Amino acid sequence: MKDLFKLEDSYAYLIYRTVRALRRQFIRIASEQGFDLYPEQWFVLVRIHNNPGCSQIELAKDFEDRPSMTRALRAMKQKGWLSIDEDPEDKRKHKIHLTKAGLKLFDSMVKAVSKERNRMFGSLDEEDFKHFRKIMDTIFDRAKD
């Protein structure tokens, strides 16, 4: 009889299980802060915060999903977190900025996320994260092939 494939030994399953737990945890933290915010929207907000005036095309490159990016930006604009303005130099492009509400959201979530990171990762050291990053980057690069 062939050996059974053990799900608990599958790295893909372990990553999937962890991502789902982190997602649920993030949504809980955002809700506790009074925000209806999903991890994907948070990633976009962080990118816009760190690159004010970036374009939708630039964001779509980062997240590899243009239609989802369009929906996410539309939803975040409706919530008042960002503005999408025509680029004065190229009318075909748009510049995206966080609004005051978006900046307030960002500041609040940075504090809450940082606190939770410290709780979760406190027993890990810099070497642990170097190894983790190397492993995750290797898996990501090979999965793209």
N, C-alpha and C. Protein backbone atom coordinates (compact mmCIF):
# COMPACT_ATOMS: atom_id res chain seq x y z
N MET A 1 0.84 -1.18 0.00
CA MET A 1 0.00 0.00 0.00
C MET A 1 0.88 1.25 0.00
N LYS A 2 0.50 2.21 -0.80
CA LYS A 2 1.28 3.44 -0.90
C LYS A 2 1.16 4.25 0.38
N ASP A 3 2.20 5.03 0.66
CA ASP A 3 2.15 5.93 1.81
C ASP A 3 1.05 6.97 1.58
N LEU A 4 0.36 7.26 2.63
CA LEU A 4 -0.66 8.29 2.55
C LEU A 4 0.01 9.65 2.47
N PHE A 5 -0.60 10.52 1.71
CA PHE A 5 -0.13 11.90 1.65
C PHE A 5 -0.68 12.61 2.87
N LYS A 6 0.19 13.10 3.72
CA LYS A 6 -0.24 13.75 4.95
C LYS A 6 -0.33 15.26 4.72
N LEU A 7 -1.52 15.76 4.87
CA LEU A 7 -1.75 17.18 4.67
C LEU A 7 -0.91 18.03 5.61
N GLU A 8 -0.74 17.56 6.83
CA GLU A 8 0.03 18.30 7.83
C GLU A 8 1.49 18.47 7.44
N ASP A 9 1.96 17.65 6.51
CA ASP A 9 3.35 17.73 6.05
C ASP A 9 3.49 18.53 4.75
N SER A 10 2.40 19.02 4.24
CA SER A 10 2.41 19.79 3.00
C SER A 10 2.73 21.25 3.30
N TYR A 11 3.82 21.74 2.73
CA TYR A 11 4.20 23.13 2.95
C TYR A 11 3.13 24.08 2.41
N ALA A 12 2.55 23.74 1.29
CA ALA A 12 1.50 24.59 0.72
C ALA A 12 0.33 24.68 1.70
N TYR A 13 -0.03 23.57 2.32
CA TYR A 13 -1.11 23.59 3.30
C TYR A 13 -0.73 24.45 4.51
N LEU A 14 0.49 24.31 4.98
CA LEU A 14 0.93 25.09 6.14
C LEU A 14 0.90 26.59 5.83
N ILE A 15 1.31 26.95 4.63
CA ILE A 15 1.26 28.36 4.22
C ILE A 15 -0.18 28.82 4.12
N TYR A 16 -1.02 28.02 3.48
CA TYR A 16 -2.44 28.34 3.33
C TYR A 16 -3.11 28.53 4.70
N ARG A 17 -2.86 27.61 5.62
CA ARG A 17 -3.44 27.66 6.96
C ARG A 17 -3.01 28.94 7.68
N THR A 18 -1.74 29.28 7.53
CA THR A 18 -1.21 30.47 8.19
C THR A 18 -1.79 31.74 7.59
N VAL A 19 -1.87 31.80 6.26
CA VAL A 19 -2.44 32.98 5.60
C VAL A 19 -3.89 33.18 6.03
N ARG A 20 -4.65 32.11 6.09
CA ARG A 20 -6.06 32.22 6.52
C ARG A 20 -6.16 32.74 7.95
N ALA A 21 -5.30 32.24 8.83
CA ALA A 21 -5.32 32.69 10.23
C ALA A 21 -4.93 34.17 10.32
N LEU A 22 -3.91 34.57 9.57
CA LEU A 22 -3.48 35.96 9.57
C LEU A 22 -4.56 36.87 9.01
N ARG A 23 -5.24 36.40 7.98
CA ARG A 23 -6.32 37.19 7.37
C ARG A 23 -7.45 37.42 8.38
N ARG A 24 -7.88 36.34 9.05
CA ARG A 24 -8.95 36.47 10.05
C ARG A 24 -8.52 37.42 11.17
N GLN A 25 -7.29 37.28 11.59
CA GLN A 25 -6.77 38.12 12.66
C GLN A 25 -6.73 39.59 12.24
N PHE A 26 -6.29 39.85 11.00
CA PHE A 26 -6.23 41.23 10.51
C PHE A 26 -7.64 41.85 10.47
N ILE A 27 -8.59 41.10 9.96
CA ILE A 27 -9.96 41.61 9.86
C ILE A 27 -10.50 41.91 11.26
N ARG A 28 -10.19 41.07 12.24
CA ARG A 28 -10.60 41.31 13.62
C ARG A 28 -9.97 42.60 14.16
N ILE A 29 -8.68 42.77 13.92
CA ILE A 29 -7.98 43.97 14.39
C ILE A 29 -8.57 45.22 13.75
N ALA A 30 -8.80 45.17 12.45
CA ALA A 30 -9.38 46.32 11.74
C ALA A 30 -10.77 46.64 12.30
N SER A 31 -11.55 45.61 12.54
CA SER A 31 -12.89 45.81 13.09
C SER A 31 -12.82 46.44 14.48
N GLU A 32 -11.88 46.00 15.29
CA GLU A 32 -11.71 46.58 16.63
C GLU A 32 -11.32 48.06 16.54
N GLN A 33 -10.66 48.45 15.46
CA GLN A 33 -10.29 49.84 15.25
C GLN A 33 -11.42 50.64 14.61
N GLY A 34 -12.51 49.94 14.26
CA GLY A 34 -13.67 50.60 13.68
C GLY A 34 -13.65 50.70 12.17
N PHE A 35 -12.86 49.84 11.53
CA PHE A 35 -12.73 49.90 10.07
C PHE A 35 -13.19 48.60 9.43
N ASP A 36 -13.88 48.73 8.31
CA ASP A 36 -14.25 47.61 7.46
C ASP A 36 -13.15 47.50 6.41
N LEU A 37 -12.07 46.85 6.78
CA LEU A 37 -10.85 46.84 5.98
C LEU A 37 -10.35 45.41 5.83
N TYR A 38 -9.99 45.05 4.60
CA TYR A 38 -9.45 43.73 4.31
C TYR A 38 -7.94 43.82 4.08
N PRO A 39 -7.23 42.72 4.29
CA PRO A 39 -5.77 42.75 4.12
C PRO A 39 -5.33 43.30 2.77
N GLU A 40 -6.02 42.92 1.70
CA GLU A 40 -5.63 43.39 0.36
C GLU A 40 -5.75 44.91 0.27
N GLN A 41 -6.80 45.46 0.87
CA GLN A 41 -6.96 46.91 0.87
C GLN A 41 -5.86 47.56 1.71
N TRP A 42 -5.48 46.93 2.80
CA TRP A 42 -4.41 47.44 3.64
C TRP A 42 -3.10 47.51 2.86
N PHE A 43 -2.80 46.46 2.10
CA PHE A 43 -1.57 46.45 1.31
C PHE A 43 -1.56 47.60 0.31
N VAL A 44 -2.71 47.84 -0.31
CA VAL A 44 -2.82 48.95 -1.27
C VAL A 44 -2.65 50.28 -0.55
N LEU A 45 -3.30 50.44 0.59
CA LEU A 45 -3.18 51.70 1.34
C LEU A 45 -1.74 51.96 1.76
N VAL A 46 -1.04 50.93 2.19
CA VAL A 46 0.37 51.09 2.57
C VAL A 46 1.19 51.52 1.36
N ARG A 47 0.95 50.89 0.22
CA ARG A 47 1.69 51.23 -1.00
C ARG A 47 1.41 52.69 -1.39
N ILE A 48 0.15 53.13 -1.31
CA ILE A 48 -0.19 54.51 -1.66
C ILE A 48 0.44 55.47 -0.65
N HIS A 49 0.38 55.13 0.61
CA HIS A 49 0.99 55.97 1.65
C HIS A 49 2.48 56.16 1.38
N ASN A 50 3.16 55.09 1.00
CA ASN A 50 4.61 55.14 0.77
C ASN A 50 4.98 55.69 -0.60
N ASN A 51 3.99 55.78 -1.51
CA ASN A 51 4.21 56.29 -2.87
C ASN A 51 3.06 57.21 -3.27
N PRO A 52 2.91 58.35 -2.59
CA PRO A 52 1.79 59.23 -2.92
C PRO A 52 1.81 59.65 -4.38
N GLY A 53 0.64 59.64 -4.99
CA GLY A 53 0.54 60.03 -6.39
C GLY A 53 0.82 58.90 -7.36
N CYS A 54 0.96 57.67 -6.84
CA CYS A 54 1.20 56.55 -7.75
C CYS A 54 -0.05 56.35 -8.61
N SER A 55 0.11 55.60 -9.67
CA SER A 55 -1.00 55.37 -10.59
C SER A 55 -1.60 53.99 -10.35
N GLN A 56 -2.80 53.80 -10.87
CA GLN A 56 -3.46 52.51 -10.79
C GLN A 56 -2.64 51.45 -11.50
N ILE A 57 -2.02 51.82 -12.60
CA ILE A 57 -1.20 50.88 -13.36
C ILE A 57 -0.02 50.41 -12.52
N GLU A 58 0.62 51.34 -11.79
CA GLU A 58 1.73 50.97 -10.92
C GLU A 58 1.27 50.02 -9.82
N LEU A 59 0.11 50.31 -9.24
CA LEU A 59 -0.42 49.44 -8.19
C LEU A 59 -0.77 48.06 -8.75
N ALA A 60 -1.34 48.02 -9.92
CA ALA A 60 -1.72 46.75 -10.53
C ALA A 60 -0.48 45.88 -10.80
N LYS A 61 0.64 46.50 -11.14
CA LYS A 61 1.88 45.74 -11.34
C LYS A 61 2.32 45.08 -10.05
N ASP A 62 2.19 45.83 -8.97
CA ASP A 62 2.59 45.29 -7.67
C ASP A 62 1.75 44.09 -7.26
N PHE A 63 0.46 44.16 -7.55
CA PHE A 63 -0.46 43.15 -7.05
C PHE A 63 -0.96 42.20 -8.13
N GLU A 64 -0.49 42.36 -9.35
CA GLU A 64 -0.71 41.41 -10.46
C GLU A 64 -2.16 41.10 -10.79
N ASP A 65 -3.07 42.02 -10.50
CA ASP A 65 -4.47 41.75 -10.79
C ASP A 65 -5.19 43.08 -11.04
N ARG A 66 -5.19 43.52 -12.27
CA ARG A 66 -5.74 44.83 -12.61
C ARG A 66 -7.24 44.96 -12.33
N PRO A 67 -8.06 43.96 -12.71
CA PRO A 67 -9.50 44.10 -12.42
C PRO A 67 -9.79 44.18 -10.92
N SER A 68 -9.12 43.36 -10.13
CA SER A 68 -9.33 43.42 -8.68
C SER A 68 -8.85 44.75 -8.12
N MET A 69 -7.78 45.27 -8.69
CA MET A 69 -7.25 46.56 -8.23
C MET A 69 -8.28 47.66 -8.50
N THR A 70 -8.91 47.62 -9.65
CA THR A 70 -9.93 48.61 -9.99
C THR A 70 -11.08 48.57 -8.99
N ARG A 71 -11.56 47.36 -8.67
CA ARG A 71 -12.64 47.22 -7.70
C ARG A 71 -12.21 47.69 -6.32
N ALA A 72 -11.00 47.33 -5.91
CA ALA A 72 -10.51 47.72 -4.58
C ALA A 72 -10.39 49.24 -4.48
N LEU A 73 -9.84 49.87 -5.49
CA LEU A 73 -9.70 51.33 -5.47
C LEU A 73 -11.05 52.01 -5.44
N ARG A 74 -11.99 51.50 -6.21
CA ARG A 74 -13.34 52.07 -6.25
C ARG A 74 -13.98 51.98 -4.86
N ALA A 75 -13.85 50.83 -4.20
CA ALA A 75 -14.43 50.63 -2.87
C ALA A 75 -13.75 51.55 -1.84
N MET A 76 -12.44 51.68 -1.93
CA MET A 76 -11.72 52.53 -0.98
C MET A 76 -12.03 54.01 -1.21
N LYS A 77 -12.24 54.38 -2.46
CA LYS A 77 -12.63 55.76 -2.75
C LYS A 77 -14.03 56.04 -2.18
N GLN A 78 -14.94 55.09 -2.35
CA GLN A 78 -16.30 55.25 -1.82
C GLN A 78 -16.29 55.38 -0.30
N LYS A 79 -15.35 54.73 0.35
CA LYS A 79 -15.24 54.81 1.81
C LYS A 79 -14.54 56.10 2.24
N GLY A 80 -14.05 56.85 1.26
CA GLY A 80 -13.42 58.14 1.56
C GLY A 80 -11.97 58.05 1.98
N TRP A 81 -11.33 56.93 1.71
CA TRP A 81 -9.94 56.72 2.13
C TRP A 81 -8.92 57.24 1.14
N LEU A 82 -9.33 57.41 -0.11
CA LEU A 82 -8.37 57.89 -1.11
C LEU A 82 -9.05 58.73 -2.16
N SER A 83 -8.23 59.50 -2.85
CA SER A 83 -8.72 60.30 -3.98
C SER A 83 -7.99 59.83 -5.23
N ILE A 84 -8.71 59.87 -6.32
CA ILE A 84 -8.14 59.49 -7.62
C ILE A 84 -8.32 60.70 -8.52
N ASP A 85 -7.20 61.34 -8.85
CA ASP A 85 -7.23 62.58 -9.62
C ASP A 85 -6.52 62.41 -10.95
N GLU A 86 -7.01 63.13 -11.93
CA GLU A 86 -6.40 63.11 -13.25
C GLU A 86 -4.97 63.65 -13.17
N ASP A 87 -4.06 62.99 -13.84
CA ASP A 87 -2.66 63.44 -13.90
C ASP A 87 -2.60 64.66 -14.82
N PRO A 88 -2.16 65.81 -14.31
CA PRO A 88 -2.14 67.02 -15.14
C PRO A 88 -1.19 66.91 -16.34
N GLU A 89 -0.21 66.03 -16.25
CA GLU A 89 0.75 65.87 -17.34
C GLU A 89 0.30 64.85 -18.38
N ASP A 90 -0.58 63.93 -18.00
CA ASP A 90 -1.06 62.91 -18.91
C ASP A 90 -2.50 62.58 -18.54
N LYS A 91 -3.43 63.09 -19.30
CA LYS A 91 -4.86 62.96 -18.98
C LYS A 91 -5.34 61.51 -18.99
N ARG A 92 -4.56 60.61 -19.55
CA ARG A 92 -4.94 59.19 -19.58
C ARG A 92 -4.64 58.50 -18.25
N LYS A 93 -3.81 59.13 -17.43
CA LYS A 93 -3.41 58.53 -16.16
C LYS A 93 -4.09 59.23 -14.99
N HIS A 94 -4.08 58.55 -13.87
CA HIS A 94 -4.64 59.11 -12.65
C HIS A 94 -3.64 58.96 -11.52
N LYS A 95 -3.64 59.93 -10.63
CA LYS A 95 -2.78 59.90 -9.45
C LYS A 95 -3.64 59.59 -8.23
N ILE A 96 -3.12 58.73 -7.38
CA ILE A 96 -3.90 58.28 -6.23
C ILE A 96 -3.21 58.76 -4.95
N HIS A 97 -4.01 59.35 -4.06
CA HIS A 97 -3.51 59.85 -2.78
C HIS A 97 -4.45 59.41 -1.67
N LEU A 98 -3.92 59.30 -0.47
CA LEU A 98 -4.77 59.06 0.69
C LEU A 98 -5.42 60.39 1.08
N THR A 99 -6.66 60.30 1.49
CA THR A 99 -7.37 61.47 2.01
C THR A 99 -7.05 61.60 3.51
N LYS A 100 -7.60 62.61 4.15
CA LYS A 100 -7.42 62.73 5.61
C LYS A 100 -7.94 61.49 6.31
N ALA A 101 -9.09 60.99 5.85
CA ALA A 101 -9.66 59.77 6.45
C ALA A 101 -8.73 58.57 6.20
N GLY A 102 -8.14 58.52 5.02
CA GLY A 102 -7.20 57.45 4.71
C GLY A 102 -5.95 57.51 5.57
N LEU A 103 -5.46 58.72 5.81
CA LEU A 103 -4.29 58.90 6.67
C LEU A 103 -4.62 58.52 8.12
N LYS A 104 -5.83 58.88 8.57
CA LYS A 104 -6.26 58.51 9.92
C LYS A 104 -6.33 56.99 10.04
N LEU A 105 -6.91 56.35 9.05
CA LEU A 105 -6.99 54.89 9.00
C LEU A 105 -5.59 54.30 9.05
N PHE A 106 -4.70 54.82 8.21
CA PHE A 106 -3.33 54.31 8.15
C PHE A 106 -2.65 54.41 9.53
N ASP A 107 -2.72 55.58 10.15
CA ASP A 107 -2.07 55.78 11.45
C ASP A 107 -2.64 54.84 12.51
N SER A 108 -3.94 54.70 12.53
CA SER A 108 -4.58 53.84 13.51
C SER A 108 -4.19 52.38 13.31
N MET A 109 -4.18 51.95 12.05
CA MET A 109 -3.87 50.55 11.76
C MET A 109 -2.39 50.24 11.96
N VAL A 110 -1.52 51.19 11.66
CA VAL A 110 -0.09 50.95 11.89
C VAL A 110 0.16 50.64 13.37
N LYS A 111 -0.47 51.41 14.24
CA LYS A 111 -0.31 51.18 15.68
C LYS A 111 -0.84 49.81 16.07
N ALA A 112 -2.04 49.47 15.62
CA ALA A 112 -2.66 48.20 15.99
C ALA A 112 -1.89 47.01 15.40
N VAL A 113 -1.48 47.13 14.14
CA VAL A 113 -0.75 46.04 13.49
C VAL A 113 0.62 45.86 14.14
N SER A 114 1.29 46.96 14.45
CA SER A 114 2.61 46.87 15.10
C SER A 114 2.50 46.19 16.46
N LYS A 115 1.48 46.54 17.21
CA LYS A 115 1.27 45.91 18.52
C LYS A 115 1.07 44.41 18.37
N GLU A 116 0.27 44.01 17.40
CA GLU A 116 0.00 42.59 17.18
C GLU A 116 1.24 41.86 16.66
N ARG A 117 1.99 42.50 15.80
CA ARG A 117 3.26 41.90 15.33
C ARG A 117 4.18 41.61 16.50
N ASN A 118 4.30 42.59 17.40
CA ASN A 118 5.17 42.40 18.56
C ASN A 118 4.71 41.22 19.40
N ARG A 119 3.41 41.08 19.56
CA ARG A 119 2.88 39.96 20.33
C ARG A 119 3.17 38.62 19.64
N MET A 120 2.91 38.57 18.36
CA MET A 120 3.05 37.31 17.62
C MET A 120 4.51 36.92 17.37
N PHE A 121 5.33 37.90 17.03
CA PHE A 121 6.70 37.60 16.58
C PHE A 121 7.76 37.86 17.64
N GLY A 122 7.33 38.19 18.85
CA GLY A 122 8.27 38.57 19.90
C GLY A 122 9.34 37.54 20.22
N SER A 123 9.03 36.27 20.06
CA SER A 123 10.00 35.23 20.39
C SER A 123 10.93 34.89 19.22
N LEU A 124 10.73 35.55 18.08
CA LEU A 124 11.58 35.30 16.91
C LEU A 124 12.63 36.39 16.81
N ASP A 125 13.82 36.01 16.32
CA ASP A 125 14.89 37.01 16.20
C ASP A 125 15.16 37.33 14.74
N GLU A 126 16.10 38.22 14.52
CA GLU A 126 16.42 38.69 13.17
C GLU A 126 16.84 37.55 12.24
N GLU A 127 17.60 36.61 12.77
CA GLU A 127 18.03 35.45 11.97
C GLU A 127 16.84 34.62 11.52
N ASP A 128 15.86 34.44 12.40
CA ASP A 128 14.65 33.70 12.04
C ASP A 128 13.98 34.35 10.83
N PHE A 129 13.89 35.67 10.87
CA PHE A 129 13.23 36.38 9.78
C PHE A 129 14.05 36.37 8.49
N LYS A 130 15.36 36.38 8.60
CA LYS A 130 16.21 36.27 7.41
C LYS A 130 15.98 34.93 6.72
N HIS A 131 15.95 33.86 7.52
CA HIS A 131 15.71 32.52 6.96
C HIS A 131 14.30 32.42 6.38
N PHE A 132 13.34 32.93 7.12
CA PHE A 132 11.96 32.90 6.65
C PHE A 132 11.82 33.63 5.32
N ARG A 133 12.40 34.82 5.24
CA ARG A 133 12.32 35.62 4.01
C ARG A 133 12.98 34.90 2.84
N LYS A 134 14.13 34.30 3.09
CA LYS A 134 14.83 33.56 2.03
C LYS A 134 13.98 32.39 1.53
N ILE A 135 13.39 31.66 2.46
CA ILE A 135 12.55 30.52 2.08
C ILE A 135 11.34 30.99 1.29
N MET A 136 10.64 32.01 1.79
CA MET A 136 9.44 32.50 1.11
C MET A 136 9.76 33.06 -0.27
N ASP A 137 10.86 33.81 -0.39
CA ASP A 137 11.26 34.35 -1.69
C ASP A 137 11.60 33.22 -2.67
N THR A 138 12.26 32.20 -2.20
CA THR A 138 12.61 31.07 -3.07
C THR A 138 11.35 30.37 -3.57
N ILE A 139 10.43 30.10 -2.65
CA ILE A 139 9.18 29.44 -3.05
C ILE A 139 8.42 30.32 -4.03
N PHE A 140 8.33 31.61 -3.76
CA PHE A 140 7.61 32.53 -4.64
C PHE A 140 8.24 32.54 -6.03
N ASP A 141 9.57 32.68 -6.10
CA ASP A 141 10.24 32.74 -7.39
C ASP A 141 10.04 31.46 -8.19
N ARG A 142 10.10 30.33 -7.53
CA ARG A 142 9.92 29.05 -8.24
C ARG A 142 8.48 28.81 -8.63
N ALA A 143 7.55 29.34 -7.86
CA ALA A 143 6.14 29.17 -8.19
C ALA A 143 5.75 29.99 -9.41
N LYS A 144 6.51 31.03 -9.72
CA LYS A 144 6.22 31.88 -10.89
C LYS A 144 6.61 31.19 -12.19
N ASP A 145 7.51 30.22 -12.13
CA ASP A 145 7.98 29.54 -13.35
C ASP A 145 6.92 28.71 -14.00
